PDB file of N, CA and C in Angstrom:
ATOM      1  N   MET A   1     -76.840  88.173  11.911  1.00  0.00           N
ATOM      2  CA  MET A   1     -76.857  86.865  11.833  1.00  0.00           C
ATOM      3  C   MET A   1     -77.970  86.399  10.777  1.00  0.00           C
ATOM      4  N   GLN A   2     -79.230  87.133  11.173  1.00  0.00           N
ATOM      5  CA  GLN A   2     -80.774  86.999  10.445  1.00  0.00           C
ATOM      6  C   GLN A   2     -80.442  87.076   9.050  1.00  0.00           C
ATOM      7  N   ASP A   3     -79.131  88.278   8.391  1.00  0.00           N
ATOM      8  CA  ASP A   3     -79.147  88.425   6.924  1.00  0.00           C
ATOM      9  C   ASP A   3     -78.397  87.306   6.289  1.00  0.00           C
ATOM     10  N   PHE A   4     -77.589  86.610   6.738  1.00  0.00           N
ATOM     11  CA  PHE A   4     -77.095  85.318   6.283  1.00  0.00           C
ATOM     12  C   PHE A   4     -77.105  83.875   5.930  1.00  0.00           C
ATOM     13  N   PHE A   5     -78.772  83.500   7.321  1.00  0.00           N
ATOM     14  CA  PHE A   5     -79.318  82.674   7.611  1.00  0.00           C
ATOM     15  C   PHE A   5     -80.804  82.572   7.481  1.00  0.00           C
ATOM     16  N   ARG A   6     -81.405  81.850   6.651  1.00  0.00           N
ATOM     17  CA  ARG A   6     -83.148  82.246   7.080  1.00  0.00           C
ATOM     18  C   ARG A   6     -83.578  80.328   7.637  1.00  0.00           C
ATOM     19  N   ILE A   7     -84.238  80.398   8.099  1.00  0.00           N
ATOM     20  CA  ILE A   7     -84.899  79.380   8.751  1.00  0.00           C
ATOM     21  C   ILE A   7     -85.795  78.627   7.484  1.00  0.00           C
ATOM     22  N   GLN A   8     -86.062  77.745   7.451  1.00  0.00           N
ATOM     23  CA  GLN A   8     -87.083  77.373   6.228  1.00  0.00           C
ATOM     24  C   GLN A   8     -88.705  77.559   7.407  1.00  0.00           C
ATOM     25  N   GLU A   9     -89.772  77.277   6.322  1.00  0.00           N
ATOM     26  CA  GLU A   9     -91.207  77.353   7.381  1.00  0.00           C
ATOM     27  C   GLU A   9     -91.494  75.728   7.652  1.00  0.00           C
ATOM     28  N   GLY A  10     -91.353  75.832   8.815  1.00  0.00           N
ATOM     29  CA  GLY A  10     -91.864  74.459   9.479  1.00  0.00           C
ATOM     30  C   GLY A  10     -90.680  73.885   9.866  1.00  0.00           C
ATOM     31  N   GLN A  11     -89.607  74.334   9.865  1.00  0.00           N
ATOM     32  CA  GLN A  11     -88.433  74.041  10.741  1.00  0.00           C
ATOM     33  C   GLN A  11     -87.733  74.474  11.828  1.00  0.00           C
ATOM     34  N   GLU A  12     -88.966  75.690  12.169  1.00  0.00           N
ATOM     35  CA  GLU A  12     -88.807  76.810  13.737  1.00  0.00           C
ATOM     36  C   GLU A  12     -88.200  75.290  14.709  1.00  0.00           C
ATOM     37  N   GLU A  13     -88.829  74.703  15.231  1.00  0.00           N
ATOM     38  CA  GLU A  13     -88.696  73.914  15.823  1.00  0.00           C
ATOM     39  C   GLU A  13     -87.360  73.165  16.295  1.00  0.00           C
ATOM     40  N   SER A  14     -86.994  72.743  15.229  1.00  0.00           N
ATOM     41  CA  SER A  14     -85.743  72.139  14.898  1.00  0.00           C
ATOM     42  C   SER A  14     -84.433  72.894  14.967  1.00  0.00           C
ATOM     43  N   ALA A  15     -84.693  73.755  14.425  1.00  0.00           N
ATOM     44  CA  ALA A  15     -83.690  75.248  13.971  1.00  0.00           C
ATOM     45  C   ALA A  15     -83.436  76.019  15.997  1.00  0.00           C
ATOM     46  N   TYR A  16     -84.322  75.803  16.943  1.00  0.00           N
ATOM     47  CA  TYR A  16     -84.030  75.986  18.135  1.00  0.00           C
ATOM     48  C   TYR A  16     -83.276  75.340  18.654  1.00  0.00           C
ATOM     49  N   GLN A  17     -83.705  73.978  18.929  1.00  0.00           N
ATOM     50  CA  GLN A  17     -83.023  73.054  19.715  1.00  0.00           C
ATOM     51  C   GLN A  17     -81.458  72.586  19.230  1.00  0.00           C
ATOM     52  N   VAL A  18     -81.175  73.340  17.414  1.00  0.00           N
ATOM     53  CA  VAL A  18     -79.854  73.073  17.335  1.00  0.00           C
ATOM     54  C   VAL A  18     -79.276  74.147  18.057  1.00  0.00           C
ATOM     55  N   ALA A  19     -80.026  75.331  17.960  1.00  0.00           N
ATOM     56  CA  ALA A  19     -78.825  76.827  19.023  1.00  0.00           C
ATOM     57  C   ALA A  19     -79.068  76.626  19.648  1.00  0.00           C
ATOM     58  N   TYR A  20     -80.243  75.719  20.463  1.00  0.00           N
ATOM     59  CA  TYR A  20     -79.866  75.517  22.276  1.00  0.00           C
ATOM     60  C   TYR A  20     -78.968  74.988  22.157  1.00  0.00           C
ATOM     61  N   ALA A  21     -78.586  73.968  21.742  1.00  0.00           N
ATOM     62  CA  ALA A  21     -77.266  72.889  22.113  1.00  0.00           C
ATOM     63  C   ALA A  21     -75.997  73.157  21.619  1.00  0.00           C
ATOM     64  N   SER A  22     -75.978  74.188  20.726  1.00  0.00           N
ATOM     65  CA  SER A  22     -74.841  74.975  19.935  1.00  0.00           C
ATOM     66  C   SER A  22     -74.454  75.900  21.095  1.00  0.00           C
ATOM     67  N   CYS A  23     -75.330  77.008  21.544  1.00  0.00           N
ATOM     68  CA  CYS A  23     -74.886  77.500  22.836  1.00  0.00           C
ATOM     69  C   CYS A  23     -74.430  77.169  24.451  1.00  0.00           C
ATOM     70  N   LYS A  24     -75.380  76.041  24.310  1.00  0.00           N
ATOM     71  CA  LYS A  24     -74.731  75.024  25.707  1.00  0.00           C
ATOM     72  C   LYS A  24     -73.283  75.116  25.783  1.00  0.00           C
ATOM     73  N   ARG A  25     -72.970  74.257  24.760  1.00  0.00           N
ATOM     74  CA  ARG A  25     -71.837  73.523  24.643  1.00  0.00           C
ATOM     75  C   ARG A  25     -70.653  74.675  24.616  1.00  0.00           C
ATOM     76  N   ARG A  26     -71.295  76.211  23.847  1.00  0.00           N
ATOM     77  CA  ARG A  26     -70.290  76.745  23.716  1.00  0.00           C
ATOM     78  C   ARG A  26     -69.846  77.720  25.007  1.00  0.00           C
ATOM     79  N   VAL A  27     -70.999  77.985  25.719  1.00  0.00           N
ATOM     80  CA  VAL A  27     -71.113  78.393  27.390  1.00  0.00           C
ATOM     81  C   VAL A  27     -69.880  77.313  27.638  1.00  0.00           C
ATOM     82  N   THR A  28     -70.222  76.252  28.028  1.00  0.00           N
ATOM     83  CA  THR A  28     -69.301  75.193  28.836  1.00  0.00           C
ATOM     84  C   THR A  28     -67.763  75.205  28.354  1.00  0.00           C
ATOM     85  N   ASN A  29     -67.554  75.278  27.315  1.00  0.00           N
ATOM     86  CA  ASN A  29     -66.202  75.517  26.670  1.00  0.00           C
ATOM     87  C   ASN A  29     -65.654  76.722  26.888  1.00  0.00           C
ATOM     88  N   LEU A  30     -66.383  78.065  27.020  1.00  0.00           N
ATOM     89  CA  LEU A  30     -66.161  79.279  27.596  1.00  0.00           C
ATOM     90  C   LEU A  30     -65.769  79.119  29.116  1.00  0.00           C
ATOM     91  N   HIS A  31     -66.708  78.587  29.863  1.00  0.00           N
ATOM     92  CA  HIS A  31     -66.027  78.612  31.333  1.00  0.00           C
ATOM     93  C   HIS A  31     -64.776  77.595  31.161  1.00  0.00           C
ATOM     94  N   TYR A  32     -64.448  76.704  30.739  1.00  0.00           N
ATOM     95  CA  TYR A  32     -63.437  75.741  30.876  1.00  0.00           C
ATOM     96  C   TYR A  32     -62.226  76.618  29.935  1.00  0.00           C
ATOM     97  N   GLU A  33     -61.731  77.661  28.848  1.00  0.00           N
ATOM     98  CA  GLU A  33     -61.077  78.032  28.799  1.00  0.00           C
ATOM     99  C   GLU A  33     -60.707  78.920  28.848  1.00  0.00           C
ATOM    100  N   SER A  34     -61.734  79.995  29.840  1.00  0.00           N
ATOM    101  CA  SER A  34     -61.653  81.322  30.768  1.00  0.00           C
ATOM    102  C   SER A  34     -61.130  80.493  32.311  1.00  0.00           C
ATOM    103  N   ARG A  35     -61.375  79.031  32.896  1.00  0.00           N
ATOM    104  CA  ARG A  35     -60.282  78.781  33.550  1.00  0.00           C
ATOM    105  C   ARG A  35     -58.650  78.306  33.695  1.00  0.00           C
ATOM    106  N   LEU A  36     -58.544  77.989  32.404  1.00  0.00           N
ATOM    107  CA  LEU A  36     -57.246  77.152  32.409  1.00  0.00           C
ATOM    108  C   LEU A  36     -56.752  78.798  31.454  1.00  0.00           C
ATOM    109  N   GLN A  37     -57.242  79.951  31.138  1.00  0.00           N
ATOM    110  CA  GLN A  37     -56.549  81.645  31.304  1.00  0.00           C
ATOM    111  C   GLN A  37     -56.182  81.870  32.777  1.00  0.00           C
ATOM    112  N   ALA A  38     -57.157  81.944  33.095  1.00  0.00           N
ATOM    113  CA  ALA A  38     -56.809  82.529  34.512  1.00  0.00           C
ATOM    114  C   ALA A  38     -55.205  81.696  35.324  1.00  0.00           C
ATOM    115  N   HIS A  39     -55.394  80.551  35.345  1.00  0.00           N
ATOM    116  CA  HIS A  39     -54.375  79.602  35.592  1.00  0.00           C
ATOM    117  C   HIS A  39     -52.878  80.531  35.080  1.00  0.00           C
ATOM    118  N   ILE A  40     -53.057  80.274  33.584  1.00  0.00           N
ATOM    119  CA  ILE A  40     -51.771  80.839  32.845  1.00  0.00           C
ATOM    120  C   ILE A  40     -51.587  82.454  32.936  1.00  0.00           C
ATOM    121  N   ASP A  41     -52.620  83.226  32.965  1.00  0.00           N
ATOM    122  CA  ASP A  41     -51.913  84.855  34.029  1.00  0.00           C
ATOM    123  C   ASP A  41     -51.481  84.537  35.412  1.00  0.00           C
ATOM    124  N   TYR A  42     -52.410  84.022  36.348  1.00  0.00           N
ATOM    125  CA  TYR A  42     -51.671  84.210  37.990  1.00  0.00           C
ATOM    126  C   TYR A  42     -50.234  83.367  37.581  1.00  0.00           C
ATOM    127  N   ASN A  43     -50.229  82.538  37.009  1.00  0.00           N
ATOM    128  CA  ASN A  43     -48.219  82.217  36.753  1.00  0.00           C
ATOM    129  C   ASN A  43     -47.444  82.819  36.075  1.00  0.00           C
ATOM    130  N   ALA A  44     -48.145  84.142  35.185  1.00  0.00           N
ATOM    131  CA  ALA A  44     -47.193  84.777  34.425  1.00  0.00           C
ATOM    132  C   ALA A  44     -47.214  86.127  35.437  1.00  0.00           C
ATOM    133  N   LYS A  45     -48.470  86.353  36.287  1.00  0.00           N
ATOM    134  CA  LYS A  45     -47.852  87.559  36.471  1.00  0.00           C
ATOM    135  C   LYS A  45     -48.114  88.235  38.438  1.00  0.00           C
ATOM    136  N   PHE A  46     -48.262  86.395  39.382  1.00  0.00           N
ATOM    137  CA  PHE A  46     -47.121  86.293  40.220  1.00  0.00           C
ATOM    138  C   PHE A  46     -46.486  85.667  40.888  1.00  0.00           C
ATOM    139  N   LEU A  47     -46.423  84.388  39.914  1.00  0.00           N
ATOM    140  CA  LEU A  47     -44.780  83.664  39.973  1.00  0.00           C
ATOM    141  C   LEU A  47     -43.922  83.627  38.757  1.00  0.00           C
ATOM    142  N   LEU A  48     -44.505  84.569  38.010  1.00  0.00           N
ATOM    143  CA  LEU A  48     -43.271  84.983  36.867  1.00  0.00           C
ATOM    144  C   LEU A  48     -42.161  83.980  36.567  1.00  0.00           C
ATOM    145  N   ARG A  49     -43.627  83.084  36.270  1.00  0.00           N
ATOM    146  CA  ARG A  49     -43.474  81.809  35.055  1.00  0.00           C
ATOM    147  C   ARG A  49     -44.260  81.509  34.147  1.00  0.00           C
ATOM    148  N   ARG A  50     -43.263  81.008  32.353  1.00  0.00           N
ATOM    149  CA  ARG A  50     -44.440  80.487  31.873  1.00  0.00           C
ATOM    150  C   ARG A  50     -45.521  79.342  31.828  1.00  0.00           C
ATOM    151  N   VAL A  51     -46.526  79.074  31.814  1.00  0.00           N
ATOM    152  CA  VAL A  51     -47.225  77.913  31.498  1.00  0.00           C
ATOM    153  C   VAL A  51     -48.071  77.631  30.597  1.00  0.00           C
ATOM    154  N   ASN A  52     -47.981  76.358  29.298  1.00  0.00           N
ATOM    155  CA  ASN A  52     -48.944  75.858  28.928  1.00  0.00           C
ATOM    156  C   ASN A  52     -49.962  75.289  29.188  1.00  0.00           C
ATOM    157  N   LYS A  53     -51.042  75.090  28.169  1.00  0.00           N
ATOM    158  CA  LYS A  53     -52.277  74.708  28.638  1.00  0.00           C
ATOM    159  C   LYS A  53     -51.964  73.494  29.343  1.00  0.00           C
ATOM    160  N   GLU A  54     -51.273  72.567  28.632  1.00  0.00           N
ATOM    161  CA  GLU A  54     -50.861  71.317  28.922  1.00  0.00           C
ATOM    162  C   GLU A  54     -51.188  71.279  31.147  1.00  0.00           C
ATOM    163  N   GLU A  55     -49.983  72.392  30.899  1.00  0.00           N
ATOM    164  CA  GLU A  55     -49.300  72.580  32.604  1.00  0.00           C
ATOM    165  C   GLU A  55     -50.836  72.882  33.468  1.00  0.00           C
ATOM    166  N   ALA A  56     -51.243  74.046  32.664  1.00  0.00           N
ATOM    167  CA  ALA A  56     -52.761  74.451  33.159  1.00  0.00           C
ATOM    168  C   ALA A  56     -53.716  73.533  33.487  1.00  0.00           C
ATOM    169  N   ARG A  57     -53.615  72.761  33.016  1.00  0.00           N
ATOM    170  CA  ARG A  57     -54.823  71.896  33.046  1.00  0.00           C
ATOM    171  C   ARG A  57     -54.878  70.932  33.870  1.00  0.00           C
ATOM    172  N   GLN A  58     -53.460  70.467  34.721  1.00  0.00           N
ATOM    173  CA  GLN A  58     -53.366  70.273  36.301  1.00  0.00           C
ATOM    174  C   GLN A  58     -52.936  71.000  37.331  1.00  0.00           C
ATOM    175  N   MET A  59     -53.215  72.360  37.201  1.00  0.00           N
ATOM    176  CA  MET A  59     -53.270  72.870  38.325  1.00  0.00           C
ATOM    177  C   MET A  59     -54.545  73.346  38.908  1.00  0.00           C
ATOM    178  N   THR A  60     -54.616  73.721  40.077  1.00  0.00           N
ATOM    179  CA  THR A  60     -55.556  74.067  40.724  1.00  0.00           C
ATOM    180  C   THR A  60     -55.603  75.395  41.782  1.00  0.00           C
ATOM    181  N   LEU A  61     -56.201  76.490  41.516  1.00  0.00           N
ATOM    182  CA  LEU A  61     -56.158  77.686  42.387  1.00  0.00           C
ATOM    183  C   LEU A  61     -57.154  77.853  43.400  1.00  0.00           C
ATOM    184  N   THR A  62     -56.564  78.338  44.713  1.00  0.00           N
ATOM    185  CA  THR A  62     -57.534  78.943  45.755  1.00  0.00           C
ATOM    186  C   THR A  62     -58.696  80.102  45.447  1.00  0.00           C
ATOM    187  N   ARG A  63     -59.749  80.176  45.845  1.00  0.00           N
ATOM    188  CA  ARG A  63     -61.399  81.138  45.500  1.00  0.00           C
ATOM    189  C   ARG A  63     -60.012  82.732  45.675  1.00  0.00           C
ATOM    190  N   GLU A  64     -59.052  82.957  46.781  1.00  0.00           N
ATOM    191  CA  GLU A  64     -58.547  84.049  46.623  1.00  0.00           C
ATOM    192  C   GLU A  64     -57.255  84.299  44.848  1.00  0.00           C
ATOM    193  N   GLN A  65     -56.940  83.482  45.089  1.00  0.00           N
ATOM    194  CA  GLN A  65     -55.862  83.459  43.776  1.00  0.00           C
ATOM    195  C   GLN A  65     -56.656  83.538  42.370  1.00  0.00           C
ATOM    196  N   TYR A  66     -58.191  83.398  42.491  1.00  0.00           N
ATOM    197  CA  TYR A  66     -58.670  83.976  40.769  1.00  0.00           C
ATOM    198  C   TYR A  66     -58.843  84.532  41.379  1.00  0.00           C
ATOM    199  N   ILE A  67     -59.189  85.486  42.445  1.00  0.00           N
ATOM    200  CA  ILE A  67     -59.647  86.900  42.434  1.00  0.00           C
ATOM    201  C   ILE A  67     -58.840  87.118  42.313  1.00  0.00           C
TER     202      ILE A  67
END
């Protein structure tokens, strides 16, 4: 990544804050998307039915089902 983007002199702190906020948002999104994918995978593998993301958002799984 450093090959493509360079930080201007004096902008290091601002760049760090932007990168931190971006990473925090992406990690949160990663957890949300993996939860949805776990619901979809569980339904496909164990219940033998197809579920889209809209349906998966309304579902809850137990700890044992996630594992």
